[in-house]
PDB file of N, CA and C in Angstrom:
ATOM      1  N   MET A   1      43.333 -13.186 -27.302  1.00  0.00           N
ATOM      2  CA  MET A   1      42.311 -12.049 -27.173  1.00  0.00           C
ATOM      3  C   MET A   1      40.743 -12.979 -27.482  1.00  0.00           C
ATOM      4  N   ARG A   2      40.858 -13.873 -28.830  1.00  0.00           N
ATOM      5  CA  ARG A   2      39.852 -14.412 -29.243  1.00  0.00           C
ATOM      6  C   ARG A   2      39.832 -15.743 -28.405  1.00  0.00           C
ATOM      7  N   ILE A   3      40.756 -16.499 -27.981  1.00  0.00           N
ATOM      8  CA  ILE A   3      40.659 -17.705 -27.277  1.00  0.00           C
ATOM      9  C   ILE A   3      39.918 -17.327 -26.068  1.00  0.00           C
ATOM     10  N   ILE A   4      40.043 -16.130 -25.193  1.00  0.00           N
ATOM     11  CA  ILE A   4      39.020 -15.922 -23.977  1.00  0.00           C
ATOM     12  C   ILE A   4      37.903 -15.585 -24.144  1.00  0.00           C
ATOM     13  N   VAL A   5      37.420 -15.149 -25.237  1.00  0.00           N
ATOM     14  CA  VAL A   5      36.358 -14.855 -25.793  1.00  0.00           C
ATOM     15  C   VAL A   5      35.417 -16.100 -26.151  1.00  0.00           C
ATOM     16  N   CYS A   6      35.949 -17.002 -26.789  1.00  0.00           N
ATOM     17  CA  CYS A   6      35.493 -18.307 -27.193  1.00  0.00           C
ATOM     18  C   CYS A   6      35.045 -19.229 -26.107  1.00  0.00           C
ATOM     19  N   THR A   7      35.874 -18.761 -24.941  1.00  0.00           N
ATOM     20  CA  THR A   7      36.009 -19.562 -23.631  1.00  0.00           C
ATOM     21  C   THR A   7      34.726 -18.945 -22.564  1.00  0.00           C
ATOM     22  N   LEU A   8      34.730 -17.779 -22.803  1.00  0.00           N
ATOM     23  CA  LEU A   8      33.734 -17.519 -21.841  1.00  0.00           C
ATOM     24  C   LEU A   8      32.138 -17.485 -23.062  1.00  0.00           C
ATOM     25  N   LEU A   9      32.154 -17.551 -24.206  1.00  0.00           N
ATOM     26  CA  LEU A   9      30.877 -17.975 -24.647  1.00  0.00           C
ATOM     27  C   LEU A   9      30.591 -19.653 -24.443  1.00  0.00           C
ATOM     28  N   ALA A  10      31.868 -20.154 -24.522  1.00  0.00           N
ATOM     29  CA  ALA A  10      31.558 -21.680 -23.978  1.00  0.00           C
ATOM     30  C   ALA A  10      30.931 -21.839 -22.669  1.00  0.00           C
ATOM     31  N   LYS A  11      30.822 -21.095 -21.683  1.00  0.00           N
ATOM     32  CA  LYS A  11      30.631 -21.215 -20.340  1.00  0.00           C
ATOM     33  C   LYS A  11      29.530 -20.335 -20.361  1.00  0.00           C
ATOM     34  N   TRP A  12      29.136 -19.540 -20.675  1.00  0.00           N
ATOM     35  CA  TRP A  12      27.677 -19.179 -21.077  1.00  0.00           C
ATOM     36  C   TRP A  12      26.695 -19.913 -21.420  1.00  0.00           C
ATOM     37  N   TYR A  13      27.076 -20.599 -22.714  1.00  0.00           N
ATOM     38  CA  TYR A  13      26.069 -21.383 -23.452  1.00  0.00           C
ATOM     39  C   TYR A  13      25.753 -22.864 -21.951  1.00  0.00           C
ATOM     40  N   GLN A  14      26.823 -22.990 -21.071  1.00  0.00           N
ATOM     41  CA  GLN A  14      26.146 -24.006 -20.273  1.00  0.00           C
ATOM     42  C   GLN A  14      25.014 -23.368 -19.219  1.00  0.00           C
ATOM     43  N   VAL A  15      24.940 -22.464 -19.197  1.00  0.00           N
ATOM     44  CA  VAL A  15      24.159 -21.975 -18.176  1.00  0.00           C
ATOM     45  C   VAL A  15      22.574 -22.278 -18.505  1.00  0.00           C
ATOM     46  N   LYS A  16      21.955 -22.896 -17.692  1.00  0.00           N
ATOM     47  CA  LYS A  16      20.556 -23.003 -17.563  1.00  0.00           C
ATOM     48  C   LYS A  16      19.692 -22.422 -17.142  1.00  0.00           C
ATOM     49  N   VAL A  17      20.027 -21.666 -16.015  1.00  0.00           N
ATOM     50  CA  VAL A  17      18.985 -20.652 -14.864  1.00  0.00           C
ATOM     51  C   VAL A  17      19.892 -19.718 -14.726  1.00  0.00           C
ATOM     52  N   LEU A  18      18.936 -18.669 -15.253  1.00  0.00           N
ATOM     53  CA  LEU A  18      19.750 -17.390 -15.205  1.00  0.00           C
ATOM     54  C   LEU A  18      18.588 -16.656 -13.696  1.00  0.00           C
ATOM     55  N   TYR A  19      19.441 -15.788 -13.335  1.00  0.00           N
ATOM     56  CA  TYR A  19      18.795 -15.100 -12.247  1.00  0.00           C
ATOM     57  C   TYR A  19      18.713 -13.416 -12.440  1.00  0.00           C
ATOM     58  N   VAL A  20      17.637 -12.575 -12.516  1.00  0.00           N
ATOM     59  CA  VAL A  20      17.645 -11.617 -13.060  1.00  0.00           C
ATOM     60  C   VAL A  20      17.217 -10.369 -12.561  1.00  0.00           C
ATOM     61  N   ARG A  21      17.345  -9.650 -12.070  1.00  0.00           N
ATOM     62  CA  ARG A  21      17.143  -8.689 -11.012  1.00  0.00           C
ATOM     63  C   ARG A  21      16.713  -7.074 -11.948  1.00  0.00           C
ATOM     64  N   ASN A  22      16.203  -6.192 -10.690  1.00  0.00           N
ATOM     65  CA  ASN A  22      15.399  -4.899 -11.127  1.00  0.00           C
ATOM     66  C   ASN A  22      14.760  -4.585 -12.464  1.00  0.00           C
ATOM     67  N   LEU A  23      13.395  -6.076 -12.273  1.00  0.00           N
ATOM     68  CA  LEU A  23      12.436  -6.096 -13.218  1.00  0.00           C
ATOM     69  C   LEU A  23      11.592  -5.082 -12.805  1.00  0.00           C
ATOM     70  N   PRO A  24      10.753  -4.616 -14.193  1.00  0.00           N
ATOM     71  CA  PRO A  24       9.868  -3.686 -13.674  1.00  0.00           C
ATOM     72  C   PRO A  24       8.735  -4.057 -12.922  1.00  0.00           C
ATOM     73  N   GLU A  25       8.071  -3.416 -11.912  1.00  0.00           N
ATOM     74  CA  GLU A  25       6.665  -4.057 -11.645  1.00  0.00           C
ATOM     75  C   GLU A  25       5.746  -4.554 -11.928  1.00  0.00           C
ATOM     76  N   GLY A  26       5.511  -4.247 -13.636  1.00  0.00           N
ATOM     77  CA  GLY A  26       4.655  -4.824 -14.407  1.00  0.00           C
ATOM     78  C   GLY A  26       5.145  -6.193 -15.173  1.00  0.00           C
ATOM     79  N   ALA A  27       6.029  -6.550 -15.391  1.00  0.00           N
ATOM     80  CA  ALA A  27       6.760  -7.699 -15.810  1.00  0.00           C
ATOM     81  C   ALA A  27       5.703  -8.689 -15.847  1.00  0.00           C
ATOM     82  N   THR A  28       5.765  -9.008 -16.935  1.00  0.00           N
ATOM     83  CA  THR A  28       4.934 -10.517 -16.634  1.00  0.00           C
ATOM     84  C   THR A  28       6.149 -12.051 -17.497  1.00  0.00           C
ATOM     85  N   GLN A  29       5.368 -13.229 -16.760  1.00  0.00           N
ATOM     86  CA  GLN A  29       5.824 -14.024 -17.388  1.00  0.00           C
ATOM     87  C   GLN A  29       6.502 -14.208 -19.055  1.00  0.00           C
ATOM     88  N   GLU A  30       5.034 -13.751 -19.622  1.00  0.00           N
ATOM     89  CA  GLU A  30       5.443 -13.925 -21.056  1.00  0.00           C
ATOM     90  C   GLU A  30       6.159 -12.756 -21.828  1.00  0.00           C
ATOM     91  N   GLN A  31       6.569 -11.643 -21.112  1.00  0.00           N
ATOM     92  CA  GLN A  31       7.631 -10.529 -21.688  1.00  0.00           C
ATOM     93  C   GLN A  31       8.914 -11.258 -21.408  1.00  0.00           C
ATOM     94  N   LEU A  32       8.993 -11.623 -20.375  1.00  0.00           N
ATOM     95  CA  LEU A  32      10.377 -12.363 -20.230  1.00  0.00           C
ATOM     96  C   LEU A  32      10.632 -13.878 -21.090  1.00  0.00           C
ATOM     97  N   VAL A  33       9.727 -14.525 -21.340  1.00  0.00           N
ATOM     98  CA  VAL A  33      10.104 -15.583 -22.233  1.00  0.00           C
ATOM     99  C   VAL A  33      10.336 -14.537 -23.938  1.00  0.00           C
ATOM    100  N   LYS A  34       9.530 -13.762 -24.280  1.00  0.00           N
ATOM    101  CA  LYS A  34       9.753 -13.189 -25.818  1.00  0.00           C
ATOM    102  C   LYS A  34      11.372 -12.670 -25.490  1.00  0.00           C
ATOM    103  N   LEU A  35      11.811 -12.097 -24.491  1.00  0.00           N
ATOM    104  CA  LEU A  35      13.201 -11.488 -24.240  1.00  0.00           C
ATOM    105  C   LEU A  35      13.990 -11.946 -24.486  1.00  0.00           C
ATOM    106  N   PHE A  36      14.132 -13.261 -23.636  1.00  0.00           N
ATOM    107  CA  PHE A  36      14.712 -14.332 -23.538  1.00  0.00           C
ATOM    108  C   PHE A  36      15.100 -15.618 -24.696  1.00  0.00           C
ATOM    109  N   GLU A  37      14.162 -15.561 -25.350  1.00  0.00           N
ATOM    110  CA  GLU A  37      13.910 -16.754 -26.361  1.00  0.00           C
ATOM    111  C   GLU A  37      14.938 -16.602 -27.496  1.00  0.00           C
ATOM    112  N   PRO A  38      15.357 -15.280 -27.958  1.00  0.00           N
ATOM    113  CA  PRO A  38      16.295 -15.590 -28.873  1.00  0.00           C
ATOM    114  C   PRO A  38      17.562 -15.751 -28.521  1.00  0.00           C
ATOM    115  N   HIS A  39      17.863 -16.416 -26.874  1.00  0.00           N
ATOM    116  CA  HIS A  39      19.497 -16.650 -26.449  1.00  0.00           C
ATOM    117  C   HIS A  39      19.236 -18.106 -25.962  1.00  0.00           C
ATOM    118  N   GLY A  40      17.817 -18.989 -26.624  1.00  0.00           N
ATOM    119  CA  GLY A  40      17.799 -20.213 -26.050  1.00  0.00           C
ATOM    120  C   GLY A  40      16.275 -20.683 -25.946  1.00  0.00           C
ATOM    121  N   GLU A  41      15.798 -21.883 -25.735  1.00  0.00           N
ATOM    122  CA  GLU A  41      14.620 -22.137 -25.856  1.00  0.00           C
ATOM    123  C   GLU A  41      14.307 -22.220 -24.035  1.00  0.00           C
ATOM    124  N   VAL A  42      13.372 -21.416 -23.611  1.00  0.00           N
ATOM    125  CA  VAL A  42      12.860 -20.965 -22.250  1.00  0.00           C
ATOM    126  C   VAL A  42      12.120 -22.023 -21.755  1.00  0.00           C
ATOM    127  N   SER A  43      12.458 -22.989 -20.837  1.00  0.00           N
ATOM    128  CA  SER A  43      11.146 -23.949 -20.191  1.00  0.00           C
ATOM    129  C   SER A  43      10.171 -23.186 -19.185  1.00  0.00           C
ATOM    130  N   LYS A  44      10.593 -22.403 -18.588  1.00  0.00           N
ATOM    131  CA  LYS A  44       9.881 -21.440 -17.532  1.00  0.00           C
ATOM    132  C   LYS A  44      10.440 -20.329 -16.686  1.00  0.00           C
ATOM    133  N   VAL A  45       9.773 -19.643 -16.483  1.00  0.00           N
ATOM    134  CA  VAL A  45       9.737 -18.557 -15.528  1.00  0.00           C
ATOM    135  C   VAL A  45       9.625 -18.432 -14.366  1.00  0.00           C
ATOM    136  N   ILE A  46      10.124 -17.991 -13.260  1.00  0.00           N
ATOM    137  CA  ILE A  46       9.638 -17.627 -11.959  1.00  0.00           C
ATOM    138  C   ILE A  46       9.763 -16.604 -11.697  1.00  0.00           C
ATOM    139  N   LEU A  47       8.653 -15.843 -11.275  1.00  0.00           N
ATOM    140  CA  LEU A  47       8.633 -14.656 -10.717  1.00  0.00           C
ATOM    141  C   LEU A  47       8.270 -14.845  -9.391  1.00  0.00           C
ATOM    142  N   PRO A  48       8.906 -14.990  -8.211  1.00  0.00           N
ATOM    143  CA  PRO A  48       8.308 -15.079  -6.731  1.00  0.00           C
ATOM    144  C   PRO A  48       7.700 -14.070  -6.721  1.00  0.00           C
ATOM    145  N   GLN A  49       6.332 -14.752  -5.540  1.00  0.00           N
ATOM    146  CA  GLN A  49       5.812 -13.436  -4.899  1.00  0.00           C
ATOM    147  C   GLN A  49       5.887 -13.203  -3.854  1.00  0.00           C
ATOM    148  N   SER A  50       6.027 -11.515  -3.505  1.00  0.00           N
ATOM    149  CA  SER A  50       5.995 -11.099  -2.251  1.00  0.00           C
ATOM    150  C   SER A  50       4.932 -11.240  -0.934  1.00  0.00           C
ATOM    151  N   ARG A  51       6.012 -11.406   0.086  1.00  0.00           N
ATOM    152  CA  ARG A  51       4.827 -11.688   1.169  1.00  0.00           C
ATOM    153  C   ARG A  51       3.521 -10.371   1.139  1.00  0.00           C
ATOM    154  N   PRO A  52       2.784 -10.666   2.159  1.00  0.00           N
ATOM    155  CA  PRO A  52       1.732  -9.263   2.628  1.00  0.00           C
ATOM    156  C   PRO A  52       2.987  -8.456   3.302  1.00  0.00           C
ATOM    157  N   GLY A  53       2.518  -7.051   3.240  1.00  0.00           N
ATOM    158  CA  GLY A  53       3.346  -5.905   3.582  1.00  0.00           C
ATOM    159  C   GLY A  53       4.984  -6.036   3.148  1.00  0.00           C
ATOM    160  N   GLN A  54       5.298  -6.668   2.567  1.00  0.00           N
ATOM    161  CA  GLN A  54       6.628  -6.362   2.003  1.00  0.00           C
ATOM    162  C   GLN A  54       6.611  -5.844   0.445  1.00  0.00           C
ATOM    163  N   PRO A  55       7.975  -5.088  -0.063  1.00  0.00           N
ATOM    164  CA  PRO A  55       7.695  -4.728  -1.405  1.00  0.00           C
ATOM    165  C   PRO A  55       7.629  -5.549  -2.656  1.00  0.00           C
ATOM    166  N   LYS A  56       6.958  -5.177  -3.571  1.00  0.00           N
ATOM    167  CA  LYS A  56       7.054  -6.436  -4.967  1.00  0.00           C
ATOM    168  C   LYS A  56       8.402  -6.622  -5.187  1.00  0.00           C
ATOM    169  N   ARG A  57       8.825  -7.925  -5.339  1.00  0.00           N
ATOM    170  CA  ARG A  57      10.117  -8.525  -5.622  1.00  0.00           C
ATOM    171  C   ARG A  57      10.423  -7.901  -6.953  1.00  0.00           C
ATOM    172  N   ASP A  58      11.515  -7.923  -7.309  1.00  0.00           N
ATOM    173  CA  ASP A  58      11.702  -7.025  -8.839  1.00  0.00           C
ATOM    174  C   ASP A  58      12.767  -8.179  -9.045  1.00  0.00           C
ATOM    175  N   PHE A  59      12.810  -9.222  -8.982  1.00  0.00           N
ATOM    176  CA  PHE A  59      13.861 -10.620  -9.540  1.00  0.00           C
ATOM    177  C   PHE A  59      12.822 -11.669 -10.117  1.00  0.00           C
ATOM    178  N   GLY A  60      13.848 -12.495 -10.846  1.00  0.00           N
ATOM    179  CA  GLY A  60      12.976 -13.629 -11.461  1.00  0.00           C
ATOM    180  C   GLY A  60      14.278 -14.773 -11.595  1.00  0.00           C
ATOM    181  N   PHE A  61      13.872 -15.606 -12.297  1.00  0.00           N
ATOM    182  CA  PHE A  61      14.705 -17.096 -12.734  1.00  0.00           C
ATOM    183  C   PHE A  61      13.894 -17.052 -14.123  1.00  0.00           C
ATOM    184  N   ILE A  62      14.915 -17.228 -15.097  1.00  0.00           N
ATOM    185  CA  ILE A  62      14.546 -17.730 -16.520  1.00  0.00           C
ATOM    186  C   ILE A  62      15.318 -19.110 -16.596  1.00  0.00           C
ATOM    187  N   HIS A  63      14.444 -20.079 -16.857  1.00  0.00           N
ATOM    188  CA  HIS A  63      14.915 -21.802 -16.907  1.00  0.00           C
ATOM    189  C   HIS A  63      14.955 -21.627 -18.263  1.00  0.00           C
ATOM    190  N   PHE A  64      16.042 -22.202 -19.105  1.00  0.00           N
ATOM    191  CA  PHE A  64      16.402 -22.279 -20.099  1.00  0.00           C
ATOM    192  C   PHE A  64      16.244 -24.179 -20.532  1.00  0.00           C
ATOM    193  N   VAL A  65      15.887 -24.684 -21.563  1.00  0.00           N
ATOM    194  CA  VAL A  65      16.077 -26.243 -21.727  1.00  0.00           C
ATOM    195  C   VAL A  65      17.616 -26.546 -22.187  1.00  0.00           C
ATOM    196  N   ASP A  66      17.895 -27.803 -22.083  1.00  0.00           N
ATOM    197  CA  ASP A  66      19.623 -28.205 -22.203  1.00  0.00           C
ATOM    198  C   ASP A  66      19.757 -27.636 -23.305  1.00  0.00           C
ATOM    199  N   ARG A  67      21.043 -26.987 -23.258  1.00  0.00           N
ATOM    200  CA  ARG A  67      21.264 -26.676 -24.359  1.00  0.00           C
ATOM    201  C   ARG A  67      23.042 -26.975 -24.702  1.00  0.00           C
TER     202      ARG A  67
END
């Protein structure tokens, strides 16, 4: 069991970009940086803008510095 957990953690630390969904409507880049910084240095946060006439997008991308 311990070996499996270590393997999963090793794979987690190789992730450089996270897709985050179900974000609240008022979520800001600053809030997401603050939320994810304990897991590694955040290089940028992307919150795509919705197109006119479409509902607000509720997802974003968190980019981490090389880990």
